[in-house]
Amino acid sequence: MTRTRHFFDPAKLPVVFHPGETLGEKLQEMGMGIKEFATRVSKPEKTIIAVLKGKSSITPDMAVAFELVTKIPAHMWLRHQKSYDEFKARQKREETLKDGLIWAKKFPYEEISRLGWFANINEPQGCEKNIVDTLCSFFAVSSPKGWEDFYLNQRLRVSFSITLAKTCDPYALSAWLRQGEIQAGQLPVESKYTARLLKSILKDIIEIKNNGAPNRDEQLTSLLQKAGVKLIFTETLSTAPVKGCARYIYGVPCIQLAKNFEIESDFWTTLFHEIGHILLHGKKEIFMENVSYGDKDPVKEAEANEFATHWMKK
């Protein structure tokens, strides 16, 4: 039923023709004119002409009618139409990916790749445009516009209330945030978060800090899990040297920290700062350290600083 023409470029799909071509061939085979066929299937002649020209789709109702006259099963007409529609959609996406190359080149793609953040993505090989596809898969968006709407124009989740449009490098920073989201999705929590639970483990966190435990990160992750908070550590990108971030991801409070700190005290100050944000401020905001962004609230940052200073003295 479906004729294909294969190109040498393996990145391209074989061409799928509109089922109107098959209908035209079948009418010629049966020696039947358009007017007669339209009468037999009880459809307007202009509708049949539109199908033959590829300007109209074959509907389930039409497929059943065509079956009775052409003896070609309705499911084959519909499958052919579905294949054609998918082909056209993918063809349109190919053009979108080509247009997205300028967008893709703004990301530190090689650095992200070296860090293994694309490890779970079936990364296409060959054409440069596949860089766009890989980034779209990583960010879980269908196009560069989807990334722009989510990270720059904040059109989707209300829990992501800041815009990255005014940061030094929104592309690298959004990648760091997205990697944190992926990591958070892989980390369970043992309890539903409450402020009481989080406050109850603050002294235990201080004990880990003062004891200088070699497995510090594992102990803190486990401790915060019991309070319903996810703690994740993410490598920073060279153009987005963010130290930490506090936000809710799918209803769960998460603290994302840089994987490495040159100064130990900076690590603890940042951790308590993010804990302060979770305890003191709402779930509809996101707070990032060591980076400027358009919606940064100086009052809330000062409150988190005060909280961190208080607990660092313990």
Protein backbone atom coordinates (compact mmCIF):
# COMPACT_ATOMS: atom_id res chain seq x y z
CA MET A 1 0.00 0.00 0.00
CA THR A 2 2.79 2.48 0.94
CA ARG A 3 5.38 3.34 -1.69
CA THR A 4 8.74 4.46 -0.41
CA ARG A 5 11.79 6.13 -1.90
CA HIS A 6 14.95 5.64 0.13
CA PHE A 7 17.62 8.30 0.32
CA PHE A 8 21.28 7.64 0.90
CA ASP A 9 21.21 9.80 4.01
CA PRO A 10 20.32 7.31 6.82
CA ALA A 11 19.16 10.18 9.05
CA LYS A 12 16.17 10.79 6.78
CA LEU A 13 12.97 8.79 6.80
CA PRO A 14 11.84 7.11 3.57
CA VAL A 15 9.25 9.14 1.72
CA VAL A 16 5.65 8.10 2.36
CA PHE A 17 3.09 9.11 -0.24
CA HIS A 18 -0.44 10.30 0.42
CA PRO A 19 -3.05 7.50 0.17
CA GLY A 20 -4.71 9.55 -2.57
CA GLU A 21 -2.03 8.22 -4.92
CA THR A 22 -3.04 4.67 -4.11
CA LEU A 23 -6.68 5.57 -4.66
CA GLY A 24 -5.84 7.08 -8.05
CA GLU A 25 -3.99 3.91 -9.07
CA LYS A 26 -6.88 1.75 -7.89
CA LEU A 27 -9.48 3.77 -9.81
CA GLN A 28 -7.35 3.49 -12.94
CA GLU A 29 -7.05 -0.26 -12.38
CA MET A 30 -10.83 -0.58 -12.03
CA GLY A 31 -11.45 1.71 -14.98
CA MET A 32 -13.67 3.89 -12.81
CA GLY A 33 -13.97 7.66 -13.05
CA ILE A 34 -13.97 10.09 -10.15
CA LYS A 35 -17.64 11.00 -10.58
CA GLU A 36 -18.75 7.35 -10.51
CA PHE A 37 -16.58 6.54 -7.52
CA ALA A 38 -17.89 9.55 -5.60
CA THR A 39 -21.44 8.40 -6.31
CA ARG A 40 -20.72 4.82 -5.20
CA VAL A 41 -19.16 5.92 -1.87
CA SER A 42 -21.78 8.64 -1.29
CA LYS A 43 -19.22 11.41 -1.01
CA PRO A 44 -19.06 14.78 -2.77
CA GLU A 45 -16.95 14.70 -5.91
CA LYS A 46 -14.87 17.63 -4.61
CA THR A 47 -13.99 15.56 -1.53
CA ILE A 48 -12.67 12.70 -3.65
CA ILE A 49 -10.70 15.14 -5.80
CA ALA A 50 -9.16 16.64 -2.66
CA VAL A 51 -8.09 13.17 -1.48
CA LEU A 52 -6.62 12.35 -4.90
CA LYS A 53 -4.62 15.59 -4.85
CA GLY A 54 -3.35 14.89 -1.34
CA LYS A 55 -5.14 17.92 0.08
CA SER A 56 -7.56 15.99 2.28
CA SER A 57 -7.20 13.04 4.64
CA ILE A 58 -9.05 9.75 4.49
CA THR A 59 -11.34 9.59 7.53
CA PRO A 60 -12.56 6.37 9.19
CA ASP A 61 -15.99 6.93 7.61
CA MET A 62 -14.41 7.30 4.17
CA ALA A 63 -12.16 4.28 4.69
CA VAL A 64 -15.15 2.04 5.37
CA ALA A 65 -16.92 3.38 2.27
CA PHE A 66 -13.78 2.93 0.15
CA GLU A 67 -13.45 -0.66 1.39
CA LEU A 68 -16.83 -1.64 -0.05
CA VAL A 69 -15.97 -0.30 -3.51
CA THR A 70 -12.22 -0.94 -3.85
CA LYS A 71 -12.11 -4.16 -1.78
CA ILE A 72 -9.10 -2.71 0.05
CA PRO A 73 -9.75 -3.10 3.83
CA ALA A 74 -10.58 0.06 5.76
CA HIS A 75 -7.74 -0.57 8.21
CA MET A 76 -5.24 -0.44 5.33
CA TRP A 77 -6.54 2.93 4.15
CA LEU A 78 -6.32 4.27 7.71
CA ARG A 79 -2.87 2.79 8.31
CA HIS A 80 -1.68 4.38 5.09
CA GLN A 81 -3.11 7.75 6.14
CA LYS A 82 -1.53 7.45 9.58
CA SER A 83 1.88 6.65 8.05
CA TYR A 84 1.61 9.65 5.78
CA ASP A 85 0.57 11.98 8.61
CA GLU A 86 3.50 10.79 10.73
CA PHE A 87 5.86 11.26 7.79
CA LYS A 88 4.69 14.84 7.29
CA ALA A 89 5.02 15.57 11.01
CA ARG A 90 8.56 14.20 11.08
CA GLN A 91 9.40 16.09 7.89
CA LYS A 92 8.24 19.28 9.57
CA ARG A 93 10.35 18.44 12.60
CA GLU A 94 13.41 17.94 10.39
CA GLU A 95 13.05 21.56 9.31
CA THR A 96 12.63 22.65 12.93
CA LEU A 97 15.84 20.87 13.87
CA LYS A 98 17.75 22.53 11.06
CA ASP A 99 16.50 25.92 12.22
CA GLY A 100 17.54 25.04 15.80
CA LEU A 101 21.26 24.75 15.06
CA ILE A 102 21.94 28.34 16.10
CA TRP A 103 20.15 27.65 19.40
CA ALA A 104 22.05 24.40 19.97
CA LYS A 105 25.43 26.02 19.45
CA LYS A 106 24.81 28.32 22.42
CA PHE A 107 25.09 25.34 24.81
CA PRO A 108 28.42 23.93 26.03
CA TYR A 109 27.46 20.72 24.23
CA GLU A 110 30.84 19.00 24.34
CA GLU A 111 31.28 19.74 28.05
CA ILE A 112 27.81 18.41 28.85
CA SER A 113 28.51 15.31 26.80
CA ARG A 114 31.83 14.69 28.58
CA LEU A 115 30.02 14.82 31.91
CA GLY A 116 27.77 11.99 30.72
CA TRP A 117 24.52 13.91 30.99
CA PHE A 118 23.39 12.52 27.65
CA ALA A 119 24.14 8.95 28.73
CA ASN A 120 20.50 7.84 28.81
CA ILE A 121 19.65 9.43 25.48
CA ASN A 122 19.82 7.48 22.23
CA GLU A 123 21.96 10.09 20.59
CA PRO A 124 21.66 10.05 16.78
CA GLN A 125 24.86 9.91 14.79
CA GLY A 126 25.78 11.77 11.63
CA CYS A 127 24.01 15.00 10.80
CA GLU A 128 24.83 18.06 12.87
CA LYS A 129 21.13 18.79 13.32
CA ASN A 130 20.95 15.78 15.65
CA ILE A 131 22.67 17.93 18.25
CA VAL A 132 19.37 19.79 18.43
CA ASP A 133 17.44 16.54 18.84
CA THR A 134 19.75 15.38 21.63
CA LEU A 135 19.36 18.65 23.51
CA CYS A 136 15.57 18.55 23.07
CA SER A 137 15.54 15.00 24.47
CA PHE A 138 17.73 16.06 27.39
CA PHE A 139 15.45 18.97 28.27
CA ALA A 140 12.29 16.93 27.57
CA VAL A 141 10.97 19.50 25.10
CA SER A 142 9.88 18.99 21.52
CA SER A 143 11.68 22.00 20.07
CA PRO A 144 13.96 24.95 20.88
CA LYS A 145 10.80 27.00 21.30
CA GLY A 146 9.70 24.60 24.07
CA TRP A 147 12.98 25.27 25.88
CA GLU A 148 12.55 29.01 25.42
CA ASP A 149 8.96 28.96 26.70
CA PHE A 150 9.90 26.93 29.77
CA TYR A 151 13.21 28.45 30.80
CA LEU A 152 12.96 32.01 29.49
CA ASN A 153 9.25 32.77 29.33
CA GLN A 154 8.15 30.53 32.25
CA ARG A 155 4.94 29.42 30.54
CA LEU A 156 4.58 25.96 32.06
CA ARG A 157 5.06 25.05 35.70
CA VAL A 158 4.17 27.65 38.30
CA SER A 159 6.69 26.06 40.66
CA PHE A 160 9.41 27.30 38.30
CA SER A 161 8.86 30.99 38.93
CA ILE A 162 12.09 32.61 37.78
CA THR A 163 13.28 33.53 34.33
CA LEU A 164 16.81 32.75 33.19
CA ALA A 165 16.69 35.47 30.55
CA LYS A 166 18.85 37.83 32.64
CA THR A 167 21.49 35.35 33.78
CA CYS A 168 25.05 35.41 32.47
CA ASP A 169 24.53 32.14 30.56
CA PRO A 170 20.95 30.85 30.61
CA TYR A 171 21.87 27.97 28.29
CA ALA A 172 24.50 26.38 30.52
CA LEU A 173 22.54 27.21 33.65
CA SER A 174 19.37 25.61 32.32
CA ALA A 175 21.39 22.46 31.53
CA TRP A 176 22.66 22.35 35.11
CA LEU A 177 19.14 22.75 36.45
CA ARG A 178 17.79 20.09 34.09
CA GLN A 179 20.47 17.62 35.13
CA GLY A 180 19.47 18.22 38.72
CA GLU A 181 15.86 17.52 37.82
CA ILE A 182 16.90 14.21 36.23
CA GLN A 183 18.97 13.27 39.27
CA ALA A 184 16.12 14.20 41.61
CA GLY A 185 13.80 11.92 39.67
CA GLN A 186 16.10 9.00 40.42
CA LEU A 187 16.26 9.68 44.17
CA PRO A 188 13.46 8.49 46.47
CA VAL A 189 12.38 10.12 49.73
CA GLU A 190 11.50 8.19 52.85
CA SER A 191 8.94 10.61 54.27
CA LYS A 192 6.63 13.36 53.16
CA TYR A 193 8.30 16.70 53.80
CA THR A 194 7.28 18.79 56.77
CA ALA A 195 9.10 21.75 58.30
CA ARG A 196 9.04 19.93 61.63
CA LEU A 197 10.92 16.95 60.18
CA LEU A 198 13.53 19.15 58.54
CA LYS A 199 14.08 21.17 61.71
CA SER A 200 14.46 17.95 63.70
CA ILE A 201 17.58 16.89 61.74
CA LEU A 202 19.44 20.22 61.81
CA LYS A 203 21.48 19.20 64.86
CA ASP A 204 22.40 15.93 63.14
CA ILE A 205 23.64 17.91 60.15
CA ILE A 206 25.76 20.02 62.48
CA GLU A 207 27.22 16.86 63.98
CA ILE A 208 28.23 15.62 60.52
CA LYS A 209 29.81 19.00 59.82
CA ASN A 210 31.79 19.07 63.04
CA ASN A 211 32.94 15.44 62.77
CA GLY A 212 34.27 15.82 59.23
CA ALA A 213 32.95 12.43 58.11
CA PRO A 214 34.61 11.05 54.95
CA ASN A 215 31.23 9.93 53.59
CA ARG A 216 29.69 13.32 54.26
CA ASP A 217 27.59 13.48 51.07
CA GLU A 218 26.05 10.05 51.56
CA GLN A 219 25.20 10.77 55.20
CA LEU A 220 23.58 14.10 54.38
CA THR A 221 21.61 12.64 51.47
CA SER A 222 20.25 9.87 53.67
CA LEU A 223 19.45 12.24 56.52
CA LEU A 224 17.56 14.69 54.32
CA GLN A 225 15.67 11.85 52.64
CA LYS A 226 14.21 10.98 56.02
CA ALA A 227 12.92 14.56 56.25
CA GLY A 228 11.36 14.37 52.79
CA VAL A 229 14.02 16.50 51.10
CA LYS A 230 16.13 15.41 48.11
CA LEU A 231 19.80 16.36 48.15
CA ILE A 232 21.71 16.01 44.89
CA PHE A 233 25.21 16.91 43.76
CA THR A 234 25.84 18.07 40.19
CA GLU A 235 29.03 18.95 38.37
CA THR A 236 29.06 22.63 37.46
CA LEU A 237 29.63 23.84 33.92
CA SER A 238 32.45 26.27 33.24
CA THR A 239 30.10 29.10 32.20
CA ALA A 240 27.56 28.46 34.97
CA PRO A 241 29.50 28.30 38.26
CA VAL A 242 26.37 28.06 40.40
CA LYS A 243 26.97 26.79 43.94
CA GLY A 244 23.53 25.69 44.95
CA CYS A 245 19.85 25.77 44.27
CA ALA A 246 16.68 25.21 46.30
CA ARG A 247 13.38 24.43 44.58
CA TYR A 248 10.46 22.06 44.51
CA ILE A 249 10.56 19.41 41.80
CA TYR A 250 7.22 17.69 41.22
CA GLY A 251 6.04 18.65 44.69
CA VAL A 252 9.17 17.57 46.58
CA PRO A 253 11.69 20.06 48.04
CA CYS A 254 15.11 19.59 46.48
CA ILE A 255 18.53 20.99 47.21
CA GLN A 256 21.00 20.85 44.34
CA LEU A 257 24.63 21.59 45.18
CA ALA A 258 27.79 21.88 43.13
CA LYS A 259 29.68 18.60 43.28
CA ASN A 260 32.92 20.23 44.32
CA PHE A 261 33.70 23.18 46.60
CA GLU A 262 37.22 24.55 46.92
CA ILE A 263 36.53 25.70 50.48
CA GLU A 264 34.74 23.37 52.91
CA SER A 265 33.04 26.19 54.76
CA ASP A 266 31.47 27.36 51.49
CA PHE A 267 29.84 23.96 51.13
CA TRP A 268 28.22 24.11 54.56
CA THR A 269 27.18 27.73 54.23
CA THR A 270 25.52 26.96 50.90
CA LEU A 271 23.78 23.88 52.28
CA PHE A 272 22.32 25.78 55.25
CA HIS A 273 21.41 28.66 52.98
CA GLU A 274 19.32 26.33 50.77
CA ILE A 275 17.77 24.65 53.80
CA GLY A 276 16.84 28.14 54.98
CA HIS A 277 15.04 28.81 51.73
CA ILE A 278 13.02 25.60 52.06
CA LEU A 279 12.05 26.30 55.65
CA LEU A 280 11.36 30.00 55.28
CA HIS A 281 10.00 30.49 51.77
CA GLY A 282 7.28 29.16 49.49
CA LYS A 283 7.36 26.20 47.15
CA LYS A 284 6.64 28.33 44.07
CA GLU A 285 10.10 29.86 43.98
CA ILE A 286 13.59 28.78 43.03
CA PHE A 287 16.73 30.12 44.64
CA MET A 288 20.25 29.89 43.18
CA GLU A 289 23.55 30.82 44.74
CA ASN A 290 26.58 32.44 43.13
CA VAL A 291 24.59 33.53 40.09
CA SER A 292 22.47 36.57 39.26
CA TYR A 293 19.01 36.21 37.79
CA GLY A 294 16.11 38.51 37.08
CA ASP A 295 13.75 37.51 39.90
CA LYS A 296 16.25 37.25 42.74
CA ASP A 297 14.63 38.50 45.95
CA PRO A 298 17.19 40.34 48.12
CA VAL A 299 14.99 40.13 51.22
CA LYS A 300 14.62 36.36 51.01
CA GLU A 301 18.31 35.97 50.20
CA ALA A 302 19.15 37.97 53.33
CA GLU A 303 16.84 35.76 55.40
CA ALA A 304 18.50 32.63 54.07
CA ASN A 305 21.93 34.14 54.77
CA GLU A 306 20.92 34.91 58.33
CA PHE A 307 19.65 31.35 58.78
CA ALA A 308 22.92 29.93 57.43
CA THR A 309 25.03 32.22 59.61
CA HIS A 310 23.09 31.14 62.70
CA TRP A 311 23.61 27.42 62.08
CA MET A 312 27.22 27.77 60.98
CA LYS A 313 28.02 29.01 64.48
CA LYS A 314 26.75 25.83 66.07
